[in-house]
Amino acid sequence: MKVNDLPLMELFEKLQDAGLPLGIGEYEALLRALQAGFGIPDREALARLCCILWVKSQEEKQIFDKYF
């Protein structure tokens, strides 16, 4: 699997570039949650999952909302 084929990698990289302090551990946590069936039902559920795992402040939430 190529890096470009990984789910939500583009979003993850945009959030990193925008200043969210995300590392490989945060991305792996998302992959594990998706494999367990979390965030699957719809776009809103996916956004909630990403926020739970990646967003730690109101400022980061604003950045997240801009890119999601």
C-alpha atoms as a PDB file:
ATOM      1  CA  MET A   1       0.000   0.000   0.000  1.00  0.00           C
ATOM      2  CA  LYS A   2       1.328   3.422  -0.939  1.00  0.00           C
ATOM      3  CA  VAL A   3       1.244   6.354   1.475  1.00  0.00           C
ATOM      4  CA  ASN A   4      -1.265   8.125  -0.788  1.00  0.00           C
ATOM      5  CA  ASP A   5      -3.602   5.120  -0.487  1.00  0.00           C
ATOM      6  CA  LEU A   6      -3.829   5.291   3.310  1.00  0.00           C
ATOM      7  CA  PRO A   7      -7.232   6.434   4.580  1.00  0.00           C
ATOM      8  CA  LEU A   8      -7.369  10.101   5.591  1.00  0.00           C
ATOM      9  CA  MET A   9      -3.617  10.602   5.067  1.00  0.00           C
ATOM     10  CA  GLU A  10      -4.225  13.776   3.063  1.00  0.00           C
ATOM     11  CA  LEU A  11      -6.322  15.256   5.887  1.00  0.00           C
ATOM     12  CA  PHE A  12      -3.740  14.160   8.462  1.00  0.00           C
ATOM     13  CA  GLU A  13      -0.923  15.860   6.546  1.00  0.00           C
ATOM     14  CA  LYS A  14      -2.938  19.060   6.042  1.00  0.00           C
ATOM     15  CA  LEU A  15      -3.640  19.205   9.767  1.00  0.00           C
ATOM     16  CA  GLN A  16       0.043  18.683  10.543  1.00  0.00           C
ATOM     17  CA  ASP A  17       0.980  21.455   8.114  1.00  0.00           C
ATOM     18  CA  ALA A  18      -1.613  23.725   9.747  1.00  0.00           C
ATOM     19  CA  GLY A  19       0.031  23.244  13.131  1.00  0.00           C
ATOM     20  CA  LEU A  20      -1.677  20.337  14.855  1.00  0.00           C
ATOM     21  CA  PRO A  21       0.978  18.366  16.763  1.00  0.00           C
ATOM     22  CA  LEU A  22       0.187  14.999  15.197  1.00  0.00           C
ATOM     23  CA  GLY A  23       2.592  12.101  14.958  1.00  0.00           C
ATOM     24  CA  ILE A  24       2.497   8.563  13.670  1.00  0.00           C
ATOM     25  CA  GLY A  25       0.924   7.375  16.930  1.00  0.00           C
ATOM     26  CA  GLU A  26      -2.140   9.531  16.390  1.00  0.00           C
ATOM     27  CA  TYR A  27      -2.521   8.257  12.843  1.00  0.00           C
ATOM     28  CA  GLU A  28      -2.128   4.640  13.954  1.00  0.00           C
ATOM     29  CA  ALA A  29      -4.770   5.199  16.645  1.00  0.00           C
ATOM     30  CA  LEU A  30      -7.181   6.325  13.936  1.00  0.00           C
ATOM     31  CA  LEU A  31      -6.444   3.248  11.814  1.00  0.00           C
ATOM     32  CA  ARG A  32      -7.033   0.944  14.796  1.00  0.00           C
ATOM     33  CA  ALA A  33     -10.317   2.683  15.619  1.00  0.00           C
ATOM     34  CA  LEU A  34     -11.488   2.417  12.006  1.00  0.00           C
ATOM     35  CA  GLN A  35     -10.569  -1.275  11.914  1.00  0.00           C
ATOM     36  CA  ALA A  36     -12.627  -1.754  15.090  1.00  0.00           C
ATOM     37  CA  GLY A  37     -15.623  -0.190  13.360  1.00  0.00           C
ATOM     38  CA  PHE A  38     -15.594   3.278  14.899  1.00  0.00           C
ATOM     39  CA  GLY A  39     -16.273   6.319  12.724  1.00  0.00           C
ATOM     40  CA  ILE A  40     -17.710   4.219   9.928  1.00  0.00           C
ATOM     41  CA  PRO A  41     -21.457   5.000   9.805  1.00  0.00           C
ATOM     42  CA  ASP A  42     -21.196   8.447   8.240  1.00  0.00           C
ATOM     43  CA  ARG A  43     -19.086  11.561   7.773  1.00  0.00           C
ATOM     44  CA  GLU A  44     -20.235  13.030  11.106  1.00  0.00           C
ATOM     45  CA  ALA A  45     -19.150   9.910  12.998  1.00  0.00           C
ATOM     46  CA  LEU A  46     -15.786  10.009  11.250  1.00  0.00           C
ATOM     47  CA  ALA A  47     -15.318  13.683  12.144  1.00  0.00           C
ATOM     48  CA  ARG A  48     -16.166  12.953  15.812  1.00  0.00           C
ATOM     49  CA  LEU A  49     -13.655  10.106  15.886  1.00  0.00           C
ATOM     50  CA  CYS A  50     -10.887  12.222  14.375  1.00  0.00           C
ATOM     51  CA  CYS A  51     -11.628  15.025  16.851  1.00  0.00           C
ATOM     52  CA  ILE A  52     -11.517  12.677  19.818  1.00  0.00           C
ATOM     53  CA  LEU A  53      -8.154  11.329  18.728  1.00  0.00           C
ATOM     54  CA  TRP A  54      -6.479  14.414  17.277  1.00  0.00           C
ATOM     55  CA  VAL A  55      -7.951  17.638  18.665  1.00  0.00           C
ATOM     56  CA  LYS A  56      -6.829  18.853  22.087  1.00  0.00           C
ATOM     57  CA  SER A  57      -7.942  22.505  22.176  1.00  0.00           C
ATOM     58  CA  GLN A  58     -10.536  24.894  20.805  1.00  0.00           C
ATOM     59  CA  GLU A  59      -7.894  26.402  18.506  1.00  0.00           C
ATOM     60  CA  GLU A  60      -7.110  22.967  17.092  1.00  0.00           C
ATOM     61  CA  LYS A  61     -10.849  22.331  16.659  1.00  0.00           C
ATOM     62  CA  GLN A  62     -11.119  25.450  14.505  1.00  0.00           C
ATOM     63  CA  ILE A  63      -8.217  24.246  12.363  1.00  0.00           C
ATOM     64  CA  PHE A  64      -9.756  20.785  12.119  1.00  0.00           C
ATOM     65  CA  ASP A  65     -13.135  22.184  11.065  1.00  0.00           C
ATOM     66  CA  LYS A  66     -11.462  24.222   8.330  1.00  0.00           C
ATOM     67  CA  TYR A  67      -9.905  21.139   6.709  1.00  0.00           C
ATOM     68  CA  PHE A  68     -12.463  18.410   7.405  1.00  0.00           C
END
